[in-house]
Amino acid sequence: MTRPAGVRERKKADRREHILAAAMRLIQNEGLKAATYASIAREAGVSRGTVFNYFPYKEAFLVAYFARELDALDRRLGEASSTSLDGDALGPLLTLFDELGAIAQQHRAWILPLGYELLNPDPERSRTAFLALPLATMLKRALGRARDAGTVRRDVSLDRLARTLANTYFITVLQWAAYRPDRSIRDELRVALRIALDGVRARPAPLDGAA
């Protein structure tokens, strides 16, 4: 008797999660380069070919892991209030960047290989990595709430704004991981976000007597 499609898909998803967990244990203990497909297969109790079928290159383990971390963060933040304690409708964006910074801080050694995958010269690989990570979707949701509160411009699409902030996050984190580890990633992200939100153009000096 043929198993229902839903059962087969569930078994495949469970096997993928099992392999991912085994791979990440080895990557955590031995590093990405040292964790071979053969050792991952032994850890997971499956064949090397099975590992390769689910994760055709080692960076795919990192993409899947960070995708899961972002999904968990998205669920944890839930439908956050559109205002922070100081009344700033953009507060949820700051909270999101702080949480993303904490993830980067915890997994600094994996940031550069993940960044390589997002910028992979193979467009299919880079597109797959980008689509797997829900950062732009999370940012779009936060921006949408802020726009509803009247604090986000309406002449640019939410998709474009979200992509711009996602790029701000990734470039800031990549620079920090590559050559600024002595700095606080939380502070670096906060500065980058505020510049992105406020712009770089100098504001005119107030007129004499102006409040």
Foldseek 3Di string as FASTA:
>chain_A
DDDDPVVVVVVLVVLLVLLLVLQVVCCVVPNLVVRDLCNSCVSSVHDSVSSCVSPVDSLVSVLLVQLVVQVVVCVVCDPPDCADPVRQSLVVVLVVLLVVLVVCVVPLSSLQSLVCQCVPPPVVSNVVSVVSHCQLVSQLSSVVSSVVVVLDDDPDDSSVLSVVLVVLSSVQSNVCSPPNVVDRSSVSSVVSVVCSSVPDDDDDDDDVPDD
